[in-house]
Protein backbone atom coordinates (compact mmCIF):
# COMPACT_ATOMS: atom_id res chain seq x y z
CA MET A 1 -44.27 9.23 -12.70
CA LEU A 2 -43.73 6.25 -14.82
CA GLY A 3 -46.76 4.11 -13.59
CA ILE A 4 -48.92 7.67 -13.45
CA ALA A 5 -47.83 7.87 -17.24
CA ARG A 6 -48.97 4.31 -18.09
CA ALA A 7 -52.23 4.49 -16.20
CA ALA A 8 -53.23 7.80 -17.51
CA LEU A 9 -52.19 6.68 -21.23
CA PHE A 10 -54.76 3.46 -21.17
CA ALA A 11 -57.28 5.48 -19.38
CA VAL A 12 -57.33 8.39 -21.94
CA ILE A 13 -57.53 6.23 -25.20
CA PRO A 14 -61.16 4.79 -24.51
CA LEU A 15 -62.06 8.17 -23.24
CA GLU A 16 -61.36 9.71 -26.43
CA MET A 17 -62.63 6.66 -28.48
CA LEU A 18 -66.11 7.31 -26.63
CA ILE A 19 -66.33 10.84 -27.40
CA VAL A 20 -65.33 10.38 -31.12
CA ILE A 21 -68.02 7.84 -31.67
CA LEU A 22 -70.58 10.14 -29.62
CA LEU A 23 -69.88 13.18 -32.00
CA VAL A 24 -70.03 11.08 -35.11
CA SER A 25 -73.16 9.54 -34.18
CA GLY A 26 -74.71 12.71 -33.77
CA VAL A 27 -75.20 12.53 -30.01
CA PRO A 28 -75.10 16.41 -28.49
CA LEU A 29 -72.59 16.78 -25.97
CA PRO A 30 -72.46 19.83 -23.89
CA GLY A 31 -69.40 22.46 -24.77
CA PRO A 32 -67.95 22.00 -21.37
CA VAL A 33 -67.76 18.28 -21.46
CA ILE A 34 -66.04 18.51 -24.69
CA VAL A 35 -63.57 21.22 -23.43
CA VAL A 36 -62.48 19.30 -20.19
CA ALA A 37 -62.35 16.04 -21.87
CA GLU A 38 -59.72 17.54 -24.73
CA LEU A 39 -57.63 19.34 -21.94
CA VAL A 40 -57.44 16.12 -20.40
CA VAL A 41 -56.24 14.22 -23.21
CA VAL A 42 -53.78 17.40 -24.20
CA SER A 43 -52.37 16.75 -20.53
CA VAL A 44 -52.05 13.01 -20.81
CA LEU A 45 -50.08 13.74 -24.39
CA VAL A 46 -47.63 16.40 -22.81
CA LEU A 47 -47.20 13.95 -19.43
CA GLU A 48 -46.50 10.99 -21.94
CA ALA A 49 -43.93 13.33 -24.03
CA VAL A 50 -42.35 14.35 -20.79
CA THR A 51 -41.73 10.79 -19.33
CA ALA A 52 -40.65 9.58 -22.76
CA TYR A 53 -38.02 12.66 -23.11
CA ARG A 54 -37.05 11.54 -19.61
CA LEU A 55 -36.78 7.92 -20.27
CA PHE A 56 -34.61 8.69 -23.71
CA ARG A 57 -32.24 10.79 -21.98
CA ALA A 58 -31.97 8.41 -19.22
CA GLY A 59 -31.11 5.73 -21.74
CA ARG A 60 -28.54 7.89 -23.80
CA ARG A 61 -26.71 9.09 -20.61
CA GLY A 62 -26.04 5.30 -19.90
CA GLY A 63 -24.59 4.72 -22.96
CA ALA A 64 -27.07 3.59 -25.08
CA GLY A 65 -27.57 4.28 -29.16
CA ARG A 66 -30.55 6.35 -30.10
CA ARG A 67 -32.20 2.94 -31.42
CA ALA A 68 -31.58 1.29 -28.34
CA ALA A 69 -32.78 4.16 -26.06
CA LEU A 70 -35.75 4.61 -28.25
CA VAL A 71 -36.46 0.93 -27.70
CA ALA A 72 -36.08 0.93 -24.12
CA THR A 73 -38.30 4.04 -23.63
CA TYR A 74 -41.07 2.15 -25.68
CA HIS A 75 -40.44 -0.77 -23.25
CA GLY A 76 -40.59 1.52 -20.44
CA LEU A 77 -43.65 3.32 -21.42
CA VAL A 78 -45.95 0.11 -22.73
CA PRO A 79 -46.13 -2.69 -20.42
CA VAL A 80 -45.26 -6.04 -21.56
CA GLN A 81 -48.65 -7.37 -21.90
CA VAL A 82 -49.80 -4.89 -24.27
CA ARG A 83 -46.78 -5.18 -26.46
CA ARG A 84 -47.24 -8.79 -26.63
CA ILE A 85 -50.93 -8.48 -27.55
CA MET A 86 -49.62 -5.82 -30.38
CA GLY A 87 -47.26 -8.54 -31.67
CA PHE A 88 -49.90 -11.15 -31.55
CA GLU A 89 -52.02 -8.80 -33.82
CA LEU A 90 -48.99 -8.02 -36.13
CA LYS A 91 -47.99 -11.52 -36.44
CA GLY A 92 -51.75 -12.86 -37.16
CA LEU A 93 -51.68 -10.25 -40.17
CA VAL A 94 -48.56 -11.54 -41.42
CA SER A 95 -49.85 -15.32 -41.07
CA VAL A 96 -52.93 -14.35 -43.36
CA GLY A 97 -50.54 -13.27 -45.98
CA GLN A 98 -48.42 -16.26 -45.88
CA TRP A 99 -51.71 -18.19 -45.95
CA LEU A 100 -52.79 -16.96 -49.08
CA ALA A 101 -48.87 -17.37 -50.47
CA ARG A 102 -48.98 -20.60 -49.50
CA ARG A 103 -46.14 -20.34 -47.22
CA ARG A 104 -45.26 -21.51 -43.72
CA ASP A 105 -43.41 -19.78 -41.14
CA GLY A 106 -40.11 -21.07 -39.53
CA VAL A 107 -39.72 -24.38 -41.44
CA PRO A 108 -36.59 -24.33 -42.82
CA PRO A 109 -35.38 -26.89 -45.47
CA GLY A 110 -35.13 -30.42 -44.21
CA ALA A 111 -37.17 -29.85 -41.19
CA THR A 112 -40.11 -31.83 -40.18
CA ALA A 113 -43.56 -30.04 -39.88
CA ALA A 114 -46.33 -31.43 -37.49
CA PRO A 115 -49.21 -29.54 -38.26
CA TYR A 116 -52.34 -29.27 -35.85
CA ALA A 117 -54.74 -26.97 -37.61
CA ARG A 118 -56.98 -29.90 -39.32
CA GLU A 119 -58.60 -30.58 -35.81
CA GLN A 120 -59.63 -27.17 -35.15
CA ALA A 121 -60.62 -26.07 -38.77
CA SER A 122 -64.29 -27.25 -38.79
CA ILE A 123 -64.98 -25.13 -35.59
CA GLN A 124 -63.10 -22.03 -36.91
CA LEU A 125 -65.02 -22.16 -40.25
CA ALA A 126 -68.36 -22.18 -38.11
CA PHE A 127 -67.16 -19.42 -35.90
CA LEU A 128 -66.14 -17.31 -39.38
CA ALA A 129 -69.87 -18.31 -40.69
CA VAL A 130 -71.57 -17.32 -37.53
CA MET A 131 -69.85 -13.88 -37.20
CA ILE A 132 -70.53 -12.98 -40.90
CA VAL A 133 -74.02 -13.48 -40.56
CA GLU A 134 -73.84 -11.99 -37.34
CA THR A 135 -72.71 -8.93 -39.17
CA ALA A 136 -75.06 -8.51 -41.63
CA GLY A 137 -77.97 -9.01 -39.55
CA ILE A 138 -76.81 -6.46 -36.97
CA GLU A 139 -76.25 -3.88 -39.72
CA LEU A 140 -79.75 -4.49 -41.12
CA LEU A 141 -81.25 -4.33 -37.72
CA LEU A 142 -79.56 -0.94 -37.01
CA ARG A 143 -80.30 0.10 -40.17
CA ALA A 144 -84.24 -0.43 -39.43
CA LEU A 145 -83.84 1.17 -36.17
CA ASP A 146 -82.53 4.12 -37.76
CA VAL A 147 -79.47 4.49 -35.43
CA PRO A 148 -77.13 7.06 -36.33
CA TYR A 149 -74.66 6.36 -38.93
CA GLY A 150 -71.45 6.96 -36.85
CA LEU A 151 -72.68 4.07 -34.28
CA ARG A 152 -73.22 1.97 -37.11
CA VAL A 153 -69.66 2.40 -38.50
CA ALA A 154 -68.45 1.62 -35.11
CA VAL A 155 -70.27 -1.72 -34.77
CA LEU A 156 -69.48 -2.54 -38.16
CA VAL A 157 -65.68 -1.91 -37.41
CA ALA A 158 -65.79 -4.17 -34.38
CA ASP A 159 -67.74 -6.84 -36.19
CA VAL A 160 -65.42 -6.76 -39.32
CA TYR A 161 -62.24 -6.99 -36.67
CA GLY A 162 -63.75 -10.26 -35.15
CA ILE A 163 -63.79 -11.36 -38.64
CA VAL A 164 -60.19 -10.46 -39.32
CA TYR A 165 -59.40 -12.16 -36.08
CA VAL A 166 -60.80 -15.52 -36.57
CA LEU A 167 -59.16 -15.41 -39.76
CA MET A 168 -56.04 -14.55 -38.24
CA LEU A 169 -56.43 -17.53 -35.66
CA ALA A 170 -57.18 -19.79 -38.48
CA ALA A 171 -54.07 -18.66 -40.72
CA ALA A 172 -51.57 -18.61 -37.69
CA SER A 173 -52.71 -22.52 -36.73
CA VAL A 174 -51.84 -23.44 -40.67
CA THR A 175 -48.30 -21.49 -41.23
CA ARG A 176 -47.07 -22.18 -37.84
CA PRO A 177 -46.85 -25.68 -37.32
CA HIS A 178 -44.65 -27.67 -34.95
CA VAL A 179 -41.14 -28.03 -36.29
CA VAL A 180 -38.34 -30.62 -35.54
CA THR A 181 -34.96 -29.91 -36.85
CA ALA A 182 -31.63 -31.65 -36.48
CA GLY A 183 -31.22 -29.43 -33.21
CA GLU A 184 -34.59 -28.58 -31.55
CA LEU A 185 -38.12 -29.35 -31.39
CA ARG A 186 -40.43 -26.18 -31.78
CA VAL A 187 -43.61 -26.34 -30.31
CA ARG A 188 -46.20 -23.74 -31.32
CA SER A 189 -49.61 -22.77 -30.85
CA GLY A 190 -50.57 -19.93 -33.42
CA VAL A 191 -48.63 -16.73 -32.81
CA TYR A 192 -49.48 -17.07 -28.99
CA LEU A 193 -46.64 -19.63 -28.08
CA ASP A 194 -43.36 -20.42 -29.38
CA VAL A 195 -41.22 -22.72 -27.46
CA ARG A 196 -37.88 -24.07 -28.61
CA VAL A 197 -36.68 -27.25 -27.00
CA PRO A 198 -33.03 -28.44 -27.62
CA ARG A 199 -33.20 -32.06 -28.78
CA ASP A 200 -30.66 -32.98 -26.43
CA LEU A 201 -32.95 -31.70 -23.61
CA ILE A 202 -35.58 -34.33 -24.55
CA SER A 203 -35.19 -37.76 -22.63
CA SER A 204 -38.40 -39.52 -24.06
CA VAL A 205 -41.26 -39.10 -26.42
CA ARG A 206 -44.59 -41.20 -26.51
CA LEU A 207 -47.96 -41.29 -27.91
CA SER A 208 -50.42 -40.47 -24.99
CA ARG A 209 -54.13 -39.38 -26.05
CA ASN A 210 -56.07 -37.17 -23.99
CA HIS A 211 -59.51 -35.92 -24.88
CA ASN A 212 -60.04 -34.18 -21.45
CA GLU A 213 -57.77 -31.29 -21.48
CA SER A 214 -58.84 -27.60 -20.79
CA GLY A 215 -57.82 -24.24 -22.20
CA MET A 216 -55.49 -23.87 -24.96
CA ILE A 217 -52.10 -23.10 -23.17
CA THR A 218 -51.76 -24.21 -19.61
CA VAL A 219 -49.31 -24.61 -17.05
CA LYS A 220 -49.83 -26.89 -14.24
CA GLY A 221 -47.00 -27.67 -11.90
CA SER A 222 -44.10 -28.47 -14.16
CA ARG A 223 -46.20 -29.73 -16.96
CA LEU A 224 -46.89 -27.35 -20.40
CA GLY A 225 -50.00 -28.35 -22.09
CA VAL A 226 -50.52 -27.21 -25.80
CA VAL A 227 -53.99 -28.00 -26.47
CA VAL A 228 -56.10 -28.09 -29.47
CA SER A 229 -59.76 -29.05 -29.27
CA SER A 230 -59.64 -30.03 -25.74
CA GLN A 231 -56.91 -32.90 -26.76
CA THR A 232 -53.33 -33.77 -26.58
CA ASN A 233 -51.53 -36.50 -27.90
CA VAL A 234 -47.79 -36.52 -27.74
CA VAL A 235 -45.89 -36.25 -24.39
CA VAL A 236 -42.49 -34.93 -24.31
CA GLU A 237 -40.42 -35.60 -21.33
CA LEU A 238 -37.16 -33.42 -20.52
CA THR A 239 -34.23 -34.29 -18.37
CA GLY A 240 -34.27 -30.72 -16.83
CA PRO A 241 -36.48 -27.67 -16.64
CA LEU A 242 -36.99 -25.46 -19.37
CA THR A 243 -38.02 -21.57 -19.32
CA VAL A 244 -41.22 -21.06 -21.26
CA VAL A 245 -42.68 -17.52 -22.06
CA ARG A 246 -46.68 -17.74 -21.59
CA PRO A 247 -48.75 -15.49 -24.27
CA LEU A 248 -48.69 -12.58 -21.64
CA GLY A 249 -45.18 -12.65 -20.95
CA ALA A 250 -45.11 -14.81 -17.64
CA ARG A 251 -42.14 -17.47 -17.29
CA ALA A 252 -42.81 -20.80 -16.21
CA GLU A 253 -40.29 -23.76 -15.58
CA VAL A 254 -41.48 -27.08 -17.19
CA THR A 255 -40.22 -30.36 -17.54
CA THR A 256 -42.99 -32.24 -19.39
CA ILE A 257 -44.85 -31.10 -22.63
CA ARG A 258 -48.02 -32.32 -23.45
CA LEU A 259 -49.12 -31.06 -27.20
CA PHE A 260 -51.51 -32.04 -29.80
CA THR A 261 -50.71 -32.57 -33.55
CA ASP A 262 -52.72 -33.94 -36.43
CA THR A 263 -49.85 -36.33 -37.61
CA PRO A 264 -48.28 -37.81 -34.26
CA ASP A 265 -46.69 -40.72 -35.90
CA VAL A 266 -44.61 -38.32 -37.82
CA LEU A 267 -43.13 -36.27 -34.93
CA LEU A 268 -42.51 -39.23 -33.06
CA ASN A 269 -40.43 -40.51 -35.89
CA ALA A 270 -38.58 -37.15 -36.41
CA LEU A 271 -37.57 -37.34 -32.91
CA ARG A 272 -36.34 -40.42 -32.74
CA PRO A 273 -32.36 -40.73 -32.34
CA THR A 274 -30.67 -41.04 -35.52
CA PRO A 275 -29.03 -44.59 -35.75
CA HIS A 276 -24.79 -43.62 -36.32
CA PRO A 277 -23.71 -45.87 -38.81
CA SER A 278 -21.49 -49.07 -37.72
CA ALA A 279 -17.62 -48.74 -38.29
CA PRO A 280 -16.54 -51.29 -40.80
């Protein structure tokens, strides 16, 4: 029943959005079609409510408190991939606020930040400019073609979301740098990756420039790649496997991390062992 509830939920949301857009746009729909569609929506909502209640009741019977049972119900109904994507959106919006306030996330006093935003800033700025021009151009074109107002609004919302998304990417890159503290190296890629590497697990760190990397976050064998503009310039070797959580929730064991930073020398110096003072 849980699998059916999940599938039904993610099938009915696009259907309802499509119907709303068509109606707002002035597209005439036969009465029976609207009635059947709304009956499907109501049926799915009832199914979701029943499934949620059963999950909540099972949690309570297992000894969980109300809050814990609600969280378990949410996790049971919503797949981990969807939960993580929703989390990315929320963290991205928070990053925009931190960017405007000139604050950084997860950089405590005394820590060393190793940024990676400068290398990709020009590309992100170009994307942003193109998307703004495209949004204005499409709106003018749709007006000229006398496209219904509701459909124009739907297209405009999608375009504006694209602009906000690029802003979130840029803000997250600035506000969430790699971080070195006394106890760990924190390797990040915006809101999509956050790997904490205990310093006692690091066997060596070296400068190694590679300009032919693929993807943004990749796992090949036991090697994690955290790439910026097809580049990495620091290699971190580990004494043993480290479990990393990939953007959509998959887990992998890695023993090597290749990453990029705008200040590789700063990162290398921060990770060098601190010499112990000699005894008098």
